[in-house]
């Protein structure tokens, strides 16, 4: 991959506003959570059932579910125009 290509990198893409609903970003988030879960699962197996890893798995699954719920709620909200909301807030300040 050349450095002068016009295609933006994944890191620069996810830093743009609104990218949290892009399917590629959501797939990367799910993959990271799945990998973390399997790391905890294998660590629990290797430590012969250390309860700390089961607690960490529970926390991780709760966080994963919370992120999935938040994304679903974010999809329900209609997109807003940033300039309009900024103009109305400056108009209120001037009055």
N, C-alpha and C. Protein backbone atom coordinates (compact mmCIF):
# COMPACT_ATOMS: atom_id res chain seq x y z
N UNK A 1 0.85 -1.18 0.00
CA UNK A 1 0.00 0.00 0.00
C UNK A 1 0.89 1.23 0.00
N UNK A 2 0.64 2.12 -0.91
CA UNK A 2 1.46 3.32 -0.99
C UNK A 2 0.91 4.39 -0.07
N UNK A 3 1.78 5.28 0.34
CA UNK A 3 1.38 6.34 1.25
C UNK A 3 0.63 7.46 0.56
N UNK A 4 0.78 7.57 -0.75
CA UNK A 4 0.13 8.67 -1.46
C UNK A 4 -1.24 8.28 -2.04
N UNK A 5 -1.79 7.16 -1.61
CA UNK A 5 -3.11 6.77 -2.11
C UNK A 5 -4.17 7.71 -1.55
N UNK A 6 -5.23 7.88 -2.31
CA UNK A 6 -6.28 8.82 -1.94
C UNK A 6 -7.30 8.20 -0.99
N UNK A 7 -7.25 6.90 -0.79
CA UNK A 7 -8.19 6.23 0.10
C UNK A 7 -7.79 6.50 1.55
N UNK A 8 -8.73 6.97 2.38
CA UNK A 8 -8.38 7.27 3.77
C UNK A 8 -8.12 5.99 4.57
N UNK A 9 -7.27 6.09 5.56
CA UNK A 9 -6.98 4.93 6.38
C UNK A 9 -8.15 4.66 7.31
N UNK A 10 -8.17 3.46 7.88
CA UNK A 10 -9.27 3.07 8.77
C UNK A 10 -9.30 3.96 10.00
N UNK A 11 -8.15 4.32 10.54
CA UNK A 11 -8.09 5.17 11.73
C UNK A 11 -8.63 6.55 11.43
N UNK A 12 -8.25 7.13 10.31
CA UNK A 12 -8.77 8.46 9.98
C UNK A 12 -10.26 8.40 9.66
N UNK A 13 -10.71 7.25 9.15
CA UNK A 13 -12.13 7.10 8.84
C UNK A 13 -12.97 7.06 10.11
N UNK A 14 -12.53 6.33 11.13
CA UNK A 14 -13.35 6.18 12.33
C UNK A 14 -13.35 7.44 13.18
N UNK A 15 -12.46 8.37 12.92
CA UNK A 15 -12.43 9.61 13.67
C UNK A 15 -13.36 10.67 13.09
N UNK A 16 -13.98 10.39 11.94
CA UNK A 16 -14.91 11.34 11.36
C UNK A 16 -16.26 11.26 12.07
N UNK A 17 -16.97 12.38 12.23
CA UNK A 17 -18.29 12.34 12.86
C UNK A 17 -19.26 11.47 12.06
N UNK A 18 -20.04 10.69 12.77
CA UNK A 18 -21.01 9.82 12.14
C UNK A 18 -20.50 8.46 11.74
N UNK A 19 -19.23 8.19 11.95
CA UNK A 19 -18.68 6.91 11.54
C UNK A 19 -19.04 5.78 12.50
N UNK A 20 -19.63 6.10 13.64
CA UNK A 20 -19.96 5.06 14.61
C UNK A 20 -21.10 4.16 14.13
N UNK A 21 -21.80 4.55 13.08
CA UNK A 21 -22.87 3.73 12.53
C UNK A 21 -22.45 2.99 11.27
N UNK A 22 -21.23 3.15 10.84
CA UNK A 22 -20.75 2.48 9.64
C UNK A 22 -20.57 0.99 9.93
N UNK A 23 -21.03 0.12 9.04
CA UNK A 23 -20.94 -1.33 9.28
C UNK A 23 -19.51 -1.84 9.50
N UNK A 24 -18.53 -1.25 8.85
CA UNK A 24 -17.15 -1.68 9.03
C UNK A 24 -16.68 -1.38 10.44
N UNK A 25 -17.02 -0.22 10.94
CA UNK A 25 -16.64 0.14 12.31
C UNK A 25 -17.35 -0.77 13.32
N UNK A 26 -18.64 -1.03 13.09
CA UNK A 26 -19.38 -1.90 14.01
C UNK A 26 -18.83 -3.32 13.99
N UNK A 27 -18.40 -3.79 12.82
CA UNK A 27 -17.77 -5.11 12.74
C UNK A 27 -16.46 -5.14 13.52
N UNK A 28 -15.67 -4.08 13.43
CA UNK A 28 -14.41 -4.02 14.17
C UNK A 28 -14.66 -4.01 15.68
N UNK A 29 -15.68 -3.30 16.12
CA UNK A 29 -16.03 -3.27 17.55
C UNK A 29 -16.46 -4.65 18.02
N UNK A 30 -17.31 -5.31 17.23
CA UNK A 30 -17.76 -6.66 17.59
C UNK A 30 -16.59 -7.64 17.61
N UNK A 31 -15.69 -7.51 16.65
CA UNK A 31 -14.53 -8.40 16.61
C UNK A 31 -13.63 -8.18 17.83
N UNK A 32 -13.45 -6.94 18.23
CA UNK A 32 -12.62 -6.65 19.40
C UNK A 32 -13.26 -7.21 20.67
N UNK A 33 -14.57 -7.06 20.82
CA UNK A 33 -15.25 -7.61 21.99
C UNK A 33 -15.21 -9.14 21.99
N UNK A 34 -15.38 -9.76 20.82
CA UNK A 34 -15.33 -11.22 20.74
C UNK A 34 -13.93 -11.73 21.08
N UNK A 35 -12.91 -11.06 20.58
CA UNK A 35 -11.54 -11.45 20.88
C UNK A 35 -11.26 -11.33 22.38
N UNK A 36 -11.71 -10.24 22.98
CA UNK A 36 -11.52 -10.04 24.42
C UNK A 36 -12.25 -11.13 25.21
N UNK A 37 -13.45 -11.51 24.78
CA UNK A 37 -14.19 -12.56 25.46
C UNK A 37 -13.43 -13.88 25.40
N UNK A 38 -12.89 -14.22 24.23
CA UNK A 38 -12.16 -15.49 24.11
C UNK A 38 -10.83 -15.46 24.87
N UNK A 39 -10.24 -14.29 25.02
CA UNK A 39 -9.04 -14.17 25.85
C UNK A 39 -9.40 -14.45 27.31
N UNK A 40 -10.50 -13.86 27.79
CA UNK A 40 -10.95 -14.13 29.15
C UNK A 40 -11.34 -15.59 29.34
N UNK A 41 -12.00 -16.16 28.35
CA UNK A 41 -12.42 -17.56 28.43
C UNK A 41 -11.22 -18.49 28.50
N UNK A 42 -10.23 -18.25 27.66
CA UNK A 42 -9.03 -19.09 27.69
C UNK A 42 -8.23 -18.86 28.97
N UNK A 43 -8.21 -17.64 29.47
CA UNK A 43 -7.51 -17.38 30.73
C UNK A 43 -8.21 -18.07 31.89
N UNK A 44 -9.53 -18.10 31.87
CA UNK A 44 -10.28 -18.81 32.92
C UNK A 44 -9.99 -20.30 32.85
N UNK A 45 -9.88 -20.84 31.65
CA UNK A 45 -9.55 -22.26 31.49
C UNK A 45 -8.13 -22.55 31.98
N UNK A 46 -7.20 -21.69 31.61
CA UNK A 46 -5.80 -21.93 32.00
C UNK A 46 -5.57 -21.77 33.50
N UNK A 47 -6.35 -20.95 34.16
CA UNK A 47 -6.19 -20.76 35.60
C UNK A 47 -7.13 -21.66 36.40
N UNK A 48 -7.70 -22.66 35.73
CA UNK A 48 -8.59 -23.64 36.36
C UNK A 48 -9.79 -22.99 37.02
N UNK A 49 -10.40 -22.06 36.33
CA UNK A 49 -11.65 -21.47 36.79
C UNK A 49 -11.51 -20.36 37.81
N UNK A 50 -10.52 -19.52 37.65
CA UNK A 50 -10.36 -18.38 38.55
C UNK A 50 -11.60 -17.49 38.45
N UNK A 51 -12.25 -17.21 39.59
CA UNK A 51 -13.50 -16.43 39.54
C UNK A 51 -13.33 -15.02 39.00
N UNK A 52 -12.13 -14.47 39.10
CA UNK A 52 -11.90 -13.12 38.60
C UNK A 52 -12.17 -13.02 37.10
N UNK A 53 -11.81 -14.06 36.37
CA UNK A 53 -12.02 -14.03 34.92
C UNK A 53 -13.50 -14.15 34.58
N UNK A 54 -14.26 -14.86 35.38
CA UNK A 54 -15.69 -14.95 35.13
C UNK A 54 -16.37 -13.61 35.41
N UNK A 55 -15.89 -12.91 36.43
CA UNK A 55 -16.41 -11.57 36.71
C UNK A 55 -16.05 -10.62 35.56
N UNK A 56 -14.81 -10.71 35.10
CA UNK A 56 -14.39 -9.87 33.98
C UNK A 56 -15.19 -10.19 32.72
N UNK A 57 -15.51 -11.47 32.49
CA UNK A 57 -16.33 -11.84 31.34
C UNK A 57 -17.73 -11.24 31.47
N UNK A 58 -18.28 -11.26 32.66
CA UNK A 58 -19.59 -10.66 32.88
C UNK A 58 -19.58 -9.17 32.62
N UNK A 59 -18.55 -8.49 33.11
CA UNK A 59 -18.43 -7.04 32.88
C UNK A 59 -18.28 -6.76 31.39
N UNK A 60 -17.46 -7.56 30.73
CA UNK A 60 -17.23 -7.37 29.30
C UNK A 60 -18.49 -7.62 28.50
N UNK A 61 -19.25 -8.65 28.83
CA UNK A 61 -20.50 -8.92 28.12
C UNK A 61 -21.53 -7.82 28.36
N UNK A 62 -21.56 -7.28 29.58
CA UNK A 62 -22.47 -6.17 29.87
C UNK A 62 -22.09 -4.93 29.07
N UNK A 63 -20.80 -4.67 28.97
CA UNK A 63 -20.34 -3.52 28.17
C UNK A 63 -20.67 -3.72 26.71
N UNK A 64 -20.46 -4.92 26.19
CA UNK A 64 -20.77 -5.23 24.80
C UNK A 64 -22.25 -5.03 24.53
N UNK A 65 -23.10 -5.52 25.43
CA UNK A 65 -24.55 -5.36 25.26
C UNK A 65 -24.94 -3.88 25.32
N UNK A 66 -24.29 -3.13 26.19
CA UNK A 66 -24.58 -1.69 26.30
C UNK A 66 -24.20 -0.96 25.02
N UNK A 67 -23.07 -1.30 24.45
CA UNK A 67 -22.64 -0.67 23.19
C UNK A 67 -23.61 -1.01 22.07
N UNK A 68 -24.03 -2.27 22.00
CA UNK A 68 -24.99 -2.67 20.97
C UNK A 68 -26.33 -1.94 21.14
N UNK A 69 -26.79 -1.80 22.39
CA UNK A 69 -28.03 -1.08 22.66
C UNK A 69 -27.89 0.39 22.25
N UNK A 70 -26.77 1.01 22.61
CA UNK A 70 -26.56 2.42 22.28
C UNK A 70 -26.54 2.64 20.77
N UNK A 71 -25.92 1.74 20.04
CA UNK A 71 -25.89 1.88 18.58
C UNK A 71 -27.29 1.76 18.01
N UNK A 72 -28.09 0.84 18.54
CA UNK A 72 -29.47 0.70 18.07
C UNK A 72 -30.28 1.97 18.36
N UNK A 73 -30.09 2.55 19.53
CA UNK A 73 -30.78 3.80 19.86
C UNK A 73 -30.29 4.95 18.99
N UNK A 74 -29.00 4.95 18.68
CA UNK A 74 -28.43 6.00 17.83
C UNK A 74 -28.98 5.92 16.41
N UNK A 75 -29.26 4.71 15.94
CA UNK A 75 -29.84 4.55 14.60
C UNK A 75 -31.26 5.10 14.53
N UNK A 76 -31.96 5.13 15.66
CA UNK A 76 -33.34 5.63 15.68
C UNK A 76 -33.40 7.15 15.60
N UNK A 77 -32.36 7.84 16.02
CA UNK A 77 -32.36 9.30 16.06
C UNK A 77 -32.08 9.84 14.66
N UNK A 78 -32.90 10.76 14.18
CA UNK A 78 -32.63 11.33 12.86
C UNK A 78 -31.38 12.20 12.90
N UNK A 79 -30.62 12.22 11.81
CA UNK A 79 -29.42 13.06 11.79
C UNK A 79 -29.78 14.54 11.87
N UNK A 80 -28.94 15.29 12.57
CA UNK A 80 -29.18 16.73 12.71
C UNK A 80 -28.16 17.49 11.89
N UNK A 81 -28.51 18.71 11.55
CA UNK A 81 -27.61 19.57 10.81
C UNK A 81 -26.79 20.36 11.83
N UNK A 82 -25.48 20.19 11.83
CA UNK A 82 -24.61 20.83 12.81
C UNK A 82 -24.64 22.35 12.70
N UNK A 83 -24.70 22.87 11.48
CA UNK A 83 -24.67 24.33 11.32
C UNK A 83 -25.96 24.95 11.84
N UNK A 84 -27.06 24.27 11.66
CA UNK A 84 -28.32 24.81 12.14
C UNK A 84 -28.33 24.87 13.66
N UNK A 85 -27.87 23.82 14.32
CA UNK A 85 -27.87 23.83 15.77
C UNK A 85 -26.87 24.85 16.31
N UNK A 86 -25.77 25.06 15.61
CA UNK A 86 -24.79 26.05 16.05
C UNK A 86 -25.34 27.46 15.86
N UNK A 87 -26.06 27.69 14.74
CA UNK A 87 -26.62 29.01 14.49
C UNK A 87 -27.69 29.36 15.51
N UNK A 88 -28.51 28.40 15.89
CA UNK A 88 -29.56 28.69 16.86
C UNK A 88 -28.97 28.94 18.23
N UNK A 89 -27.88 28.26 18.58
CA UNK A 89 -27.27 28.51 19.89
C UNK A 89 -26.61 29.88 19.93
N UNK A 90 -26.04 30.34 18.82
CA UNK A 90 -25.42 31.68 18.80
C UNK A 90 -26.50 32.74 18.77
N UNK A 91 -27.64 32.45 18.12
CA UNK A 91 -28.74 33.41 18.12
C UNK A 91 -29.31 33.61 19.53
N UNK A 92 -29.38 32.54 20.31
CA UNK A 92 -29.88 32.63 21.66
C UNK A 92 -28.93 33.43 22.54
N UNK A 93 -27.63 33.30 22.30
CA UNK A 93 -26.64 34.03 23.09
C UNK A 93 -26.72 35.53 22.81
N UNK A 94 -27.02 35.88 21.55
CA UNK A 94 -27.07 37.28 21.18
C UNK A 94 -28.29 37.98 21.76
N UNK A 95 -29.35 37.25 22.03
CA UNK A 95 -30.57 37.87 22.56
C UNK A 95 -30.46 38.10 23.99
